[in-house]
Amino acid sequence: MRAWDIVSALKQASDGPHALQNVRHVLNGWRGCLGEVATALAYIPGTGGNANQVFYRTPELSVLKVRFPAGRRTPPHDHGSWAAILTLSGSEKNTIYRRGSDSLEYANEAVLTPGAILTMPAEAVHVVETLGGEPATGLHVYGGDVLGVERSMWDPDTLEEHPLTWDHYEILARKTSATSAAPLTPRAPIRVPKRKENPAHG
């Protein structure tokens, strides 16, 4: 498998009215050969922002290798198009939001491990955070020009919406990574107290 084989299959799948469904079908077929996909994309570091992650880009389709370092949590953001992710290595949690009348509303969460696929419609907003001590790497597919389409991001504290620019995104990412949880989710894990043992009788 070569990078061009990946692009060619995704181009063909995304050409039509059921693009997201068809792209998911292609990604599902690669779940059994994640090593081959990773090897084909080994020349791409996957870090440093979308401009350094994208290896195919047209007005209709963008294909990226994205590598989130350990401890990373993104600010809430959208993609300006539908999105599909195939996790290649590591583990990440995606917190999904819907747009409310005047802000974001929590929708659900999805934990992705190698071979897991997540698809999102164009209106979806999410936060990504790595789990464990290893980076999380994925093949990301978007139904538009990821560098040219208008996108939004949200301040994790105020949930104020901003146009997505890379410099500001990094500022918000550092702010979000410093918090204990993604916005609108519990700020600390629920801990079950240990059962007290009966004292020994002498």
N, C-alpha and C. Protein backbone atom coordinates (compact mmCIF):
# COMPACT_ATOMS: atom_id res chain seq x y z
N MET A 1 0.84 -1.20 0.00
CA MET A 1 0.00 0.00 0.00
C MET A 1 0.88 1.25 0.00
N ARG A 2 0.53 2.21 -0.85
CA ARG A 2 1.23 3.50 -0.92
C ARG A 2 0.27 4.62 -0.54
N ALA A 3 0.85 5.78 -0.24
CA ALA A 3 0.01 6.93 0.10
C ALA A 3 -0.98 7.23 -1.03
N TRP A 4 -0.52 7.08 -2.28
CA TRP A 4 -1.41 7.36 -3.39
C TRP A 4 -2.56 6.37 -3.47
N ASP A 5 -2.32 5.11 -3.07
CA ASP A 5 -3.40 4.13 -3.03
C ASP A 5 -4.49 4.56 -2.04
N ILE A 6 -4.05 5.11 -0.91
CA ILE A 6 -4.99 5.60 0.10
C ILE A 6 -5.81 6.76 -0.47
N VAL A 7 -5.12 7.72 -1.09
CA VAL A 7 -5.80 8.87 -1.66
C VAL A 7 -6.76 8.45 -2.77
N SER A 8 -6.31 7.57 -3.64
CA SER A 8 -7.13 7.14 -4.78
C SER A 8 -8.43 6.50 -4.31
N ALA A 9 -8.33 5.63 -3.32
CA ALA A 9 -9.53 4.96 -2.80
C ALA A 9 -10.48 5.95 -2.16
N LEU A 10 -9.94 6.93 -1.42
CA LEU A 10 -10.78 7.91 -0.75
C LEU A 10 -11.39 8.89 -1.74
N LYS A 11 -10.65 9.24 -2.78
CA LYS A 11 -11.19 10.10 -3.83
C LYS A 11 -12.41 9.45 -4.48
N GLN A 12 -12.27 8.20 -4.84
CA GLN A 12 -13.36 7.49 -5.50
C GLN A 12 -14.57 7.37 -4.57
N ALA A 13 -14.31 7.08 -3.29
CA ALA A 13 -15.40 6.91 -2.34
C ALA A 13 -16.15 8.21 -2.08
N SER A 14 -15.44 9.33 -2.11
CA SER A 14 -16.04 10.62 -1.75
C SER A 14 -16.76 11.28 -2.91
N ASP A 15 -16.73 10.68 -4.07
CA ASP A 15 -17.34 11.27 -5.26
C ASP A 15 -18.79 10.79 -5.39
N GLY A 16 -19.71 11.55 -4.81
CA GLY A 16 -21.11 11.15 -4.90
C GLY A 16 -21.91 11.64 -3.73
N PRO A 17 -23.22 11.39 -3.74
CA PRO A 17 -24.10 11.92 -2.69
C PRO A 17 -23.95 11.24 -1.34
N HIS A 18 -23.33 10.06 -1.29
CA HIS A 18 -23.18 9.32 -0.03
C HIS A 18 -21.70 9.25 0.36
N ALA A 19 -21.02 10.39 0.23
CA ALA A 19 -19.57 10.42 0.41
C ALA A 19 -19.13 9.92 1.78
N LEU A 20 -19.72 10.44 2.84
CA LEU A 20 -19.29 10.06 4.18
C LEU A 20 -19.50 8.58 4.43
N GLN A 21 -20.64 8.06 4.04
CA GLN A 21 -20.93 6.63 4.21
C GLN A 21 -19.93 5.78 3.42
N ASN A 22 -19.62 6.20 2.21
CA ASN A 22 -18.70 5.42 1.38
C ASN A 22 -17.26 5.50 1.89
N VAL A 23 -16.87 6.67 2.39
CA VAL A 23 -15.53 6.81 2.97
C VAL A 23 -15.40 5.92 4.20
N ARG A 24 -16.43 5.90 5.02
CA ARG A 24 -16.39 5.02 6.20
C ARG A 24 -16.23 3.56 5.78
N HIS A 25 -16.88 3.17 4.71
CA HIS A 25 -16.77 1.80 4.22
C HIS A 25 -15.32 1.49 3.82
N VAL A 26 -14.66 2.44 3.16
CA VAL A 26 -13.26 2.24 2.77
C VAL A 26 -12.38 2.13 4.01
N LEU A 27 -12.58 3.04 4.97
CA LEU A 27 -11.78 3.00 6.20
C LEU A 27 -11.99 1.69 6.95
N ASN A 28 -13.21 1.20 6.94
CA ASN A 28 -13.51 -0.06 7.62
C ASN A 28 -12.71 -1.22 7.00
N GLY A 29 -12.50 -1.14 5.69
CA GLY A 29 -11.73 -2.19 5.03
C GLY A 29 -10.25 -2.17 5.38
N TRP A 30 -9.77 -1.07 5.93
CA TRP A 30 -8.36 -0.95 6.31
C TRP A 30 -8.11 -1.26 7.78
N ARG A 31 -9.15 -1.60 8.50
CA ARG A 31 -8.97 -1.87 9.94
C ARG A 31 -8.07 -3.07 10.19
N GLY A 32 -8.03 -4.00 9.23
CA GLY A 32 -7.20 -5.18 9.39
C GLY A 32 -5.78 -5.01 8.89
N CYS A 33 -5.44 -3.85 8.37
CA CYS A 33 -4.08 -3.63 7.86
C CYS A 33 -3.57 -2.26 8.30
N LEU A 34 -3.75 -1.95 9.57
CA LEU A 34 -3.33 -0.65 10.10
C LEU A 34 -1.83 -0.44 9.94
N GLY A 35 -1.06 -1.52 10.07
CA GLY A 35 0.39 -1.41 9.92
C GLY A 35 0.78 -0.97 8.52
N GLU A 36 0.08 -1.48 7.52
CA GLU A 36 0.37 -1.07 6.15
C GLU A 36 0.02 0.39 5.92
N VAL A 37 -1.10 0.84 6.48
CA VAL A 37 -1.48 2.24 6.35
C VAL A 37 -0.44 3.12 7.04
N ALA A 38 -0.04 2.73 8.25
CA ALA A 38 0.94 3.52 9.00
C ALA A 38 2.28 3.58 8.25
N THR A 39 2.70 2.47 7.66
CA THR A 39 3.96 2.45 6.92
C THR A 39 3.89 3.35 5.69
N ALA A 40 2.75 3.33 5.00
CA ALA A 40 2.59 4.17 3.81
C ALA A 40 2.65 5.65 4.16
N LEU A 41 2.27 5.99 5.38
CA LEU A 41 2.23 7.39 5.79
C LEU A 41 3.37 7.76 6.74
N ALA A 42 4.37 6.89 6.84
CA ALA A 42 5.46 7.12 7.79
C ALA A 42 6.28 8.37 7.46
N TYR A 43 6.25 8.80 6.22
CA TYR A 43 7.04 9.97 5.83
C TYR A 43 6.42 11.28 6.31
N ILE A 44 5.19 11.23 6.81
CA ILE A 44 4.50 12.42 7.30
C ILE A 44 4.58 12.43 8.82
N PRO A 45 5.15 13.48 9.43
CA PRO A 45 5.24 13.49 10.90
C PRO A 45 3.89 13.58 11.58
N GLY A 46 2.95 14.30 10.99
CA GLY A 46 1.61 14.39 11.56
C GLY A 46 1.46 15.43 12.65
N THR A 47 2.48 16.23 12.88
CA THR A 47 2.43 17.26 13.91
C THR A 47 2.65 18.63 13.29
N GLY A 48 2.40 19.67 14.09
CA GLY A 48 2.70 21.02 13.63
C GLY A 48 1.59 21.72 12.90
N GLY A 49 0.36 21.24 13.06
CA GLY A 49 -0.78 21.91 12.44
C GLY A 49 -1.18 21.29 11.12
N ASN A 50 -2.39 21.60 10.67
CA ASN A 50 -2.95 20.97 9.48
C ASN A 50 -2.09 21.16 8.24
N ALA A 51 -1.40 22.29 8.13
CA ALA A 51 -0.58 22.54 6.94
C ALA A 51 0.55 21.52 6.82
N ASN A 52 1.00 20.96 7.94
CA ASN A 52 2.06 19.96 7.94
C ASN A 52 1.52 18.54 8.00
N GLN A 53 0.21 18.40 8.13
CA GLN A 53 -0.40 17.08 8.26
C GLN A 53 -1.08 16.63 6.97
N VAL A 54 -1.51 17.57 6.16
CA VAL A 54 -2.27 17.24 4.96
C VAL A 54 -1.35 16.70 3.86
N PHE A 55 -1.75 15.60 3.21
CA PHE A 55 -0.97 15.09 2.09
C PHE A 55 -1.80 14.96 0.82
N TYR A 56 -3.06 15.36 0.92
CA TYR A 56 -3.89 15.51 -0.29
C TYR A 56 -4.95 16.55 0.02
N ARG A 57 -5.13 17.48 -0.91
CA ARG A 57 -6.03 18.60 -0.64
C ARG A 57 -6.63 19.14 -1.93
N THR A 58 -7.96 19.14 -2.01
CA THR A 58 -8.70 19.77 -3.09
C THR A 58 -9.88 20.49 -2.45
N PRO A 59 -10.66 21.26 -3.22
CA PRO A 59 -11.86 21.88 -2.64
C PRO A 59 -12.88 20.88 -2.13
N GLU A 60 -12.81 19.64 -2.61
CA GLU A 60 -13.80 18.62 -2.24
C GLU A 60 -13.30 17.61 -1.21
N LEU A 61 -12.00 17.51 -1.01
CA LEU A 61 -11.47 16.44 -0.16
C LEU A 61 -10.10 16.81 0.40
N SER A 62 -9.91 16.54 1.69
CA SER A 62 -8.59 16.67 2.32
C SER A 62 -8.29 15.38 3.07
N VAL A 63 -7.04 14.90 2.97
CA VAL A 63 -6.62 13.68 3.66
C VAL A 63 -5.37 14.02 4.45
N LEU A 64 -5.39 13.70 5.74
CA LEU A 64 -4.31 14.07 6.64
C LEU A 64 -3.89 12.89 7.50
N LYS A 65 -2.64 12.93 7.94
CA LYS A 65 -2.18 12.09 9.04
C LYS A 65 -2.00 13.03 10.23
N VAL A 66 -2.72 12.76 11.30
CA VAL A 66 -2.70 13.64 12.47
C VAL A 66 -2.16 12.86 13.66
N ARG A 67 -1.18 13.46 14.33
CA ARG A 67 -0.56 12.83 15.49
C ARG A 67 -0.68 13.79 16.68
N PHE A 68 -1.51 13.43 17.65
CA PHE A 68 -1.68 14.23 18.86
C PHE A 68 -0.68 13.74 19.91
N PRO A 69 0.15 14.62 20.45
CA PRO A 69 1.10 14.18 21.48
C PRO A 69 0.40 13.82 22.78
N ALA A 70 1.07 13.05 23.62
CA ALA A 70 0.52 12.70 24.92
C ALA A 70 0.24 13.98 25.71
N GLY A 71 -0.89 14.00 26.39
CA GLY A 71 -1.26 15.15 27.19
C GLY A 71 -1.97 16.25 26.44
N ARG A 72 -2.22 16.04 25.17
CA ARG A 72 -2.84 17.07 24.34
C ARG A 72 -4.36 17.03 24.47
N ARG A 73 -4.96 18.20 24.58
CA ARG A 73 -6.40 18.33 24.49
C ARG A 73 -6.68 19.56 23.63
N THR A 74 -7.45 19.39 22.57
CA THR A 74 -7.73 20.49 21.66
C THR A 74 -8.85 21.36 22.22
N PRO A 75 -8.96 22.59 21.75
CA PRO A 75 -10.17 23.36 22.07
C PRO A 75 -11.34 22.81 21.25
N PRO A 76 -12.55 23.10 21.65
CA PRO A 76 -13.69 22.72 20.79
C PRO A 76 -13.51 23.36 19.41
N HIS A 77 -13.74 22.59 18.36
CA HIS A 77 -13.58 23.11 17.00
C HIS A 77 -14.42 22.29 16.03
N ASP A 78 -14.71 22.90 14.88
CA ASP A 78 -15.38 22.17 13.81
C ASP A 78 -14.42 21.99 12.65
N HIS A 79 -14.90 21.37 11.57
CA HIS A 79 -14.04 21.11 10.42
C HIS A 79 -14.54 21.79 9.15
N GLY A 80 -15.69 22.43 9.23
CA GLY A 80 -16.25 23.07 8.04
C GLY A 80 -16.75 22.09 7.00
N SER A 81 -16.79 20.81 7.35
CA SER A 81 -17.22 19.75 6.43
C SER A 81 -17.44 18.49 7.24
N TRP A 82 -17.95 17.45 6.58
CA TRP A 82 -18.00 16.16 7.27
C TRP A 82 -16.57 15.66 7.50
N ALA A 83 -16.43 14.76 8.48
CA ALA A 83 -15.11 14.25 8.83
C ALA A 83 -15.20 12.76 9.14
N ALA A 84 -14.12 12.05 8.83
CA ALA A 84 -14.01 10.63 9.17
C ALA A 84 -12.59 10.36 9.66
N ILE A 85 -12.47 9.62 10.75
CA ILE A 85 -11.17 9.35 11.36
C ILE A 85 -11.00 7.85 11.55
N LEU A 86 -9.86 7.33 11.12
CA LEU A 86 -9.45 5.96 11.40
C LEU A 86 -8.25 6.03 12.33
N THR A 87 -8.39 5.50 13.54
CA THR A 87 -7.30 5.54 14.51
C THR A 87 -6.26 4.48 14.16
N LEU A 88 -5.00 4.92 14.05
CA LEU A 88 -3.91 4.01 13.68
C LEU A 88 -3.13 3.53 14.90
N SER A 89 -2.94 4.39 15.90
CA SER A 89 -2.18 4.00 17.09
C SER A 89 -2.56 4.91 18.24
N GLY A 90 -2.31 4.43 19.45
CA GLY A 90 -2.63 5.21 20.63
C GLY A 90 -4.12 5.19 20.93
N SER A 91 -4.52 6.06 21.84
CA SER A 91 -5.91 6.13 22.26
C SER A 91 -6.29 7.58 22.49
N GLU A 92 -7.50 7.93 22.10
CA GLU A 92 -7.97 9.30 22.27
C GLU A 92 -9.45 9.30 22.62
N LYS A 93 -9.85 10.35 23.32
CA LYS A 93 -11.27 10.54 23.62
C LYS A 93 -11.77 11.74 22.85
N ASN A 94 -12.89 11.58 22.17
CA ASN A 94 -13.55 12.66 21.46
C ASN A 94 -14.81 13.04 22.21
N THR A 95 -14.89 14.30 22.62
CA THR A 95 -16.10 14.83 23.23
C THR A 95 -16.84 15.59 22.14
N ILE A 96 -18.07 15.18 21.87
CA ILE A 96 -18.83 15.72 20.75
C ILE A 96 -19.88 16.71 21.26
N TYR A 97 -20.01 17.81 20.53
CA TYR A 97 -20.98 18.84 20.90
C TYR A 97 -21.92 19.11 19.72
N ARG A 98 -23.08 19.64 20.05
CA ARG A 98 -23.98 20.21 19.04
C ARG A 98 -24.09 21.70 19.30
N ARG A 99 -24.37 22.44 18.26
CA ARG A 99 -24.57 23.87 18.42
C ARG A 99 -25.95 24.13 19.00
N GLY A 100 -26.00 24.84 20.13
CA GLY A 100 -27.26 25.23 20.73
C GLY A 100 -27.71 26.57 20.18
N SER A 101 -28.71 27.15 20.79
CA SER A 101 -29.25 28.42 20.31
C SER A 101 -28.24 29.55 20.44
N ASP A 102 -27.44 29.52 21.51
CA ASP A 102 -26.46 30.59 21.70
C ASP A 102 -25.09 30.09 22.13
N SER A 103 -24.90 28.77 22.19
CA SER A 103 -23.61 28.22 22.61
C SER A 103 -23.55 26.74 22.23
N LEU A 104 -22.57 26.05 22.78
CA LEU A 104 -22.44 24.62 22.53
C LEU A 104 -23.21 23.83 23.57
N GLU A 105 -23.64 22.64 23.17
CA GLU A 105 -24.28 21.71 24.08
C GLU A 105 -23.57 20.36 23.99
N TYR A 106 -23.31 19.76 25.13
CA TYR A 106 -22.68 18.44 25.16
C TYR A 106 -23.59 17.41 24.50
N ALA A 107 -23.02 16.56 23.66
CA ALA A 107 -23.80 15.51 23.00
C ALA A 107 -23.40 14.12 23.48
N ASN A 108 -22.13 13.73 23.28
CA ASN A 108 -21.70 12.40 23.70
C ASN A 108 -20.18 12.33 23.64
N GLU A 109 -19.65 11.17 23.95
CA GLU A 109 -18.21 10.94 23.92
C GLU A 109 -17.92 9.64 23.18
N ALA A 110 -16.73 9.57 22.59
CA ALA A 110 -16.30 8.34 21.93
C ALA A 110 -14.81 8.15 22.19
N VAL A 111 -14.45 7.00 22.73
CA VAL A 111 -13.05 6.65 22.94
C VAL A 111 -12.58 5.82 21.76
N LEU A 112 -11.50 6.27 21.13
CA LEU A 112 -10.98 5.60 19.94
C LEU A 112 -9.67 4.90 20.27
N THR A 113 -9.59 3.63 19.91
CA THR A 113 -8.37 2.84 20.01
C THR A 113 -8.04 2.35 18.60
N PRO A 114 -6.86 1.77 18.38
CA PRO A 114 -6.48 1.39 17.01
C PRO A 114 -7.55 0.56 16.30
N GLY A 115 -7.92 1.01 15.10
CA GLY A 115 -8.95 0.37 14.31
C GLY A 115 -10.32 0.99 14.45
N ALA A 116 -10.50 1.85 15.44
CA ALA A 116 -11.79 2.50 15.63
C ALA A 116 -11.99 3.59 14.58
N ILE A 117 -13.24 3.79 14.18
CA ILE A 117 -13.61 4.80 13.19
C ILE A 117 -14.64 5.73 13.80
N LEU A 118 -14.43 7.02 13.60
CA LEU A 118 -15.39 8.02 14.03
C LEU A 118 -15.76 8.87 12.84
N THR A 119 -17.06 9.03 12.59
CA THR A 119 -17.53 9.92 11.54
C THR A 119 -18.36 11.03 12.17
N MET A 120 -18.26 12.24 11.60
CA MET A 120 -18.97 13.39 12.12
C MET A 120 -19.56 14.19 10.97
N PRO A 121 -20.80 14.65 11.12
CA PRO A 121 -21.39 15.51 10.09
C PRO A 121 -20.75 16.90 10.13
N ALA A 122 -21.02 17.69 9.13
CA ALA A 122 -20.37 19.00 9.01
C ALA A 122 -20.67 19.91 10.19
N GLU A 123 -21.84 19.77 10.81
CA GLU A 123 -22.20 20.67 11.90
C GLU A 123 -21.62 20.26 13.24
N ALA A 124 -20.94 19.12 13.32
CA ALA A 124 -20.42 18.63 14.59
C ALA A 124 -19.23 19.46 15.06
N VAL A 125 -19.11 19.56 16.38
CA VAL A 125 -17.97 20.20 17.04
C VAL A 125 -17.40 19.17 18.00
N HIS A 126 -16.08 19.14 18.14
CA HIS A 126 -15.52 18.17 19.08
C HIS A 126 -14.24 18.67 19.73
N VAL A 127 -13.90 17.99 20.83
CA VAL A 127 -12.62 18.14 21.52
C VAL A 127 -11.93 16.79 21.45
N VAL A 128 -10.65 16.78 21.15
CA VAL A 128 -9.85 15.55 21.13
C VAL A 128 -8.85 15.61 22.26
N GLU A 129 -8.73 14.52 23.01
CA GLU A 129 -7.68 14.45 24.02
C GLU A 129 -7.06 13.06 24.00
N THR A 130 -5.74 13.02 24.12
CA THR A 130 -5.05 11.75 24.14
C THR A 130 -5.23 11.10 25.51
N LEU A 131 -5.29 9.78 25.50
CA LEU A 131 -5.41 9.01 26.73
C LEU A 131 -4.14 8.18 26.91
N GLY A 132 -3.70 8.04 28.14
CA GLY A 132 -2.48 7.29 28.38
C GLY A 132 -1.25 8.14 28.10
N GLY A 133 -0.11 7.50 28.09
CA GLY A 133 1.15 8.22 27.95
C GLY A 133 1.73 8.21 26.56
N GLU A 134 0.96 7.78 25.55
CA GLU A 134 1.47 7.71 24.19
C GLU A 134 0.71 8.64 23.27
N PRO A 135 1.35 9.09 22.18
CA PRO A 135 0.62 9.89 21.19
C PRO A 135 -0.50 9.07 20.55
N ALA A 136 -1.46 9.78 19.99
CA ALA A 136 -2.55 9.14 19.24
C ALA A 136 -2.45 9.58 17.79
N THR A 137 -2.41 8.61 16.88
CA THR A 137 -2.24 8.91 15.46
C THR A 137 -3.45 8.41 14.68
N GLY A 138 -3.90 9.21 13.73
CA GLY A 138 -5.05 8.79 12.94
C GLY A 138 -4.97 9.28 11.51
N LEU A 139 -5.72 8.60 10.65
CA LEU A 139 -5.93 9.03 9.27
C LEU A 139 -7.23 9.83 9.27
N HIS A 140 -7.14 11.13 8.92
CA HIS A 140 -8.29 12.02 8.96
C HIS A 140 -8.71 12.39 7.54
N VAL A 141 -10.00 12.29 7.29
CA VAL A 141 -10.54 12.59 5.96
C VAL A 141 -11.65 13.62 6.12
N TYR A 142 -11.57 14.70 5.33
CA TYR A 142 -12.55 15.78 5.40
C TYR A 142 -13.16 16.03 4.03
N GLY A 143 -14.45 16.35 4.00
CA GLY A 143 -15.15 16.58 2.74
C GLY A 143 -15.04 18.01 2.27
N GLY A 144 -13.84 18.56 2.29
CA GLY A 144 -13.61 19.94 1.85
C GLY A 144 -12.14 20.28 1.99
N ASP A 145 -11.80 21.51 1.69
CA ASP A 145 -10.43 22.00 1.79
C ASP A 145 -10.17 22.42 3.22
N VAL A 146 -9.47 21.60 3.99
CA VAL A 146 -9.29 21.85 5.41
C VAL A 146 -8.51 23.13 5.68
N LEU A 147 -7.71 23.58 4.70
CA LEU A 147 -6.93 24.81 4.88
C LEU A 147 -7.62 26.04 4.31
N GLY A 148 -8.68 25.84 3.53
CA GLY A 148 -9.33 26.96 2.88
C GLY A 148 -10.74 27.24 3.33
N VAL A 149 -11.41 26.24 3.91
CA VAL A 149 -12.80 26.42 4.33
C VAL A 149 -12.85 27.20 5.64
N GLU A 150 -13.92 27.97 5.85
CA GLU A 150 -14.09 28.70 7.10
C GLU A 150 -14.42 27.72 8.22
N ARG A 151 -13.69 27.86 9.33
CA ARG A 151 -13.87 26.97 10.47
C ARG A 151 -13.98 27.80 11.74
N SER A 152 -14.51 27.17 12.79
CA SER A 152 -14.67 27.86 14.07
C SER A 152 -14.03 27.06 15.18
N MET A 153 -13.67 27.76 16.25
CA MET A 153 -13.19 27.15 17.48
C MET A 153 -13.80 27.94 18.64
N TRP A 154 -13.78 27.33 19.83
CA TRP A 154 -14.43 27.93 20.98
C TRP A 154 -13.45 28.01 22.15
N ASP A 155 -13.51 29.12 22.87
CA ASP A 155 -12.71 29.26 24.09
C ASP A 155 -13.23 28.24 25.11
N PRO A 156 -12.36 27.43 25.72
CA PRO A 156 -12.84 26.38 26.62
C PRO A 156 -13.45 26.92 27.90
N ASP A 157 -13.10 28.16 28.29
CA ASP A 157 -13.64 28.74 29.53
C ASP A 157 -14.96 29.47 29.29
N THR A 158 -15.01 30.28 28.26
CA THR A 158 -16.19 31.12 28.02
C THR A 158 -17.13 30.55 26.98
N LEU A 159 -16.64 29.56 26.19
CA LEU A 159 -17.37 29.00 25.05
C LEU A 159 -17.71 30.06 24.00
N GLU A 160 -16.90 31.12 23.97
CA GLU A 160 -17.04 32.12 22.93
C GLU A 160 -16.49 31.58 21.62
N GLU A 161 -17.23 31.79 20.53
CA GLU A 161 -16.83 31.28 19.22
C GLU A 161 -15.86 32.24 18.55
N HIS A 162 -14.81 31.69 17.92
CA HIS A 162 -13.81 32.48 17.21
C HIS A 162 -13.54 31.83 15.85
N PRO A 163 -13.14 32.61 14.86
CA PRO A 163 -12.65 32.01 13.62
C PRO A 163 -11.39 31.20 13.93
N LEU A 164 -11.24 30.05 13.28
CA LEU A 164 -10.09 29.20 13.56
C LEU A 164 -8.87 29.70 12.81
N THR A 165 -7.88 30.15 13.56
CA THR A 165 -6.56 30.48 13.03
C THR A 165 -5.55 29.69 13.85
N TRP A 166 -4.45 29.28 13.23
CA TRP A 166 -3.55 28.34 13.90
C TRP A 166 -2.93 28.92 15.17
N ASP A 167 -2.47 30.18 15.12
CA ASP A 167 -1.83 30.76 16.30
C ASP A 167 -2.79 30.81 17.49
N HIS A 168 -4.01 31.27 17.23
CA HIS A 168 -5.00 31.35 18.31
C HIS A 168 -5.43 29.96 18.75
N TYR A 169 -5.51 29.03 17.81
CA TYR A 169 -5.86 27.65 18.13
C TYR A 169 -4.87 27.06 19.15
N GLU A 170 -3.59 27.32 18.93
CA GLU A 170 -2.57 26.79 19.84
C GLU A 170 -2.70 27.39 21.23
N ILE A 171 -3.05 28.66 21.30
CA ILE A 171 -3.26 29.30 22.60
C ILE A 171 -4.41 28.62 23.34
N LEU A 172 -5.51 28.40 22.62
CA LEU A 172 -6.67 27.75 23.23
C LEU A 172 -6.39 26.29 23.55
N ALA A 173 -5.57 25.64 22.74
CA ALA A 173 -5.21 24.24 23.01
C ALA A 173 -4.43 24.12 24.31
N ARG A 174 -3.50 25.04 24.53
CA ARG A 174 -2.75 25.01 25.78
C ARG A 174 -3.67 25.27 26.97
N LYS A 175 -4.62 26.18 26.79
CA LYS A 175 -5.58 26.46 27.86
C LYS A 175 -6.44 25.23 28.14
N THR A 176 -6.92 24.58 27.08
CA THR A 176 -7.78 23.41 27.26
C THR A 176 -7.01 22.24 27.85
N SER A 177 -5.75 22.08 27.44
CA SER A 177 -4.94 20.97 27.95
C SER A 177 -4.65 21.12 29.44
N ALA A 178 -4.67 22.35 29.94
CA ALA A 178 -4.38 22.59 31.35
C ALA A 178 -5.57 22.33 32.26
N THR A 179 -6.76 22.14 31.68
CA THR A 179 -7.94 21.88 32.49
C THR A 179 -8.06 20.39 32.79
N SER A 180 -8.96 20.05 33.70
CA SER A 180 -9.09 18.65 34.10
C SER A 180 -9.99 17.84 33.18
N ALA A 181 -10.77 18.53 32.34
CA ALA A 181 -11.68 17.82 31.44
C ALA A 181 -12.13 18.76 30.34
N ALA A 182 -12.69 18.20 29.30
CA ALA A 182 -13.22 19.00 28.22
C ALA A 182 -14.40 19.84 28.72
N PRO A 183 -14.68 20.98 28.07
CA PRO A 183 -15.79 21.83 28.51
C PRO A 183 -17.12 21.08 28.55
N LEU A 184 -17.94 21.45 29.52
CA LEU A 184 -19.29 20.93 29.70
C LEU A 184 -19.32 19.46 30.12
N THR A 185 -18.18 18.93 30.54
CA THR A 185 -18.12 17.58 31.08
C THR A 185 -17.64 17.66 32.53
N PRO A 186 -17.84 16.63 33.33
CA PRO A 186 -17.38 16.67 34.72
C PRO A 186 -15.90 17.02 34.80
N ARG A 187 -15.55 17.87 35.74
CA ARG A 187 -14.18 18.37 35.86
C ARG A 187 -13.25 17.39 36.56
N ALA A 188 -13.78 16.37 37.16
CA ALA A 188 -12.92 15.41 37.85
C ALA A 188 -13.57 14.04 37.76
N PRO A 189 -12.77 12.98 37.73
CA PRO A 189 -13.36 11.64 37.67
C PRO A 189 -14.14 11.31 38.93
N ILE A 190 -15.16 10.50 38.79
CA ILE A 190 -15.92 10.05 39.95
C ILE A 190 -15.14 8.92 40.62
N ARG A 191 -14.87 9.08 41.87
CA ARG A 191 -14.10 8.07 42.59
C ARG A 191 -15.03 7.32 43.55
N VAL A 192 -14.96 6.02 43.49
CA VAL A 192 -15.76 5.19 44.39
C VAL A 192 -14.95 4.98 45.66
N PRO A 193 -15.46 5.40 46.80
CA PRO A 193 -14.69 5.23 48.04
C PRO A 193 -14.48 3.75 48.36
N LYS A 194 -13.31 3.47 48.91
CA LYS A 194 -13.01 2.11 49.31
C LYS A 194 -13.87 1.72 50.50
N ARG A 195 -14.31 0.48 50.50
CA ARG A 195 -15.12 0.00 51.62
C ARG A 195 -14.22 -0.17 52.84
N LYS A 196 -14.70 0.37 53.95
CA LYS A 196 -13.92 0.25 55.18
C LYS A 196 -13.99 -1.18 55.70
N GLU A 197 -12.83 -1.66 56.08
CA GLU A 197 -12.79 -3.01 56.64
C GLU A 197 -13.17 -2.96 58.12
N ASN A 198 -13.81 -4.00 58.57
CA ASN A 198 -14.14 -4.07 60.00
C ASN A 198 -12.87 -4.20 60.81
N PRO A 199 -12.78 -3.43 61.89
CA PRO A 199 -11.56 -3.54 62.70
C PRO A 199 -11.45 -4.94 63.31
N ALA A 200 -10.22 -5.36 63.46
CA ALA A 200 -9.99 -6.69 64.04
C ALA A 200 -10.37 -6.68 65.52
N HIS A 201 -10.95 -7.76 65.96
CA HIS A 201 -11.32 -7.88 67.38
C HIS A 201 -10.23 -8.69 68.08
N GLY A 202 -9.70 -8.13 69.21
CA GLY A 202 -8.64 -8.81 69.94
C GLY A 202 -9.20 -9.62 71.07
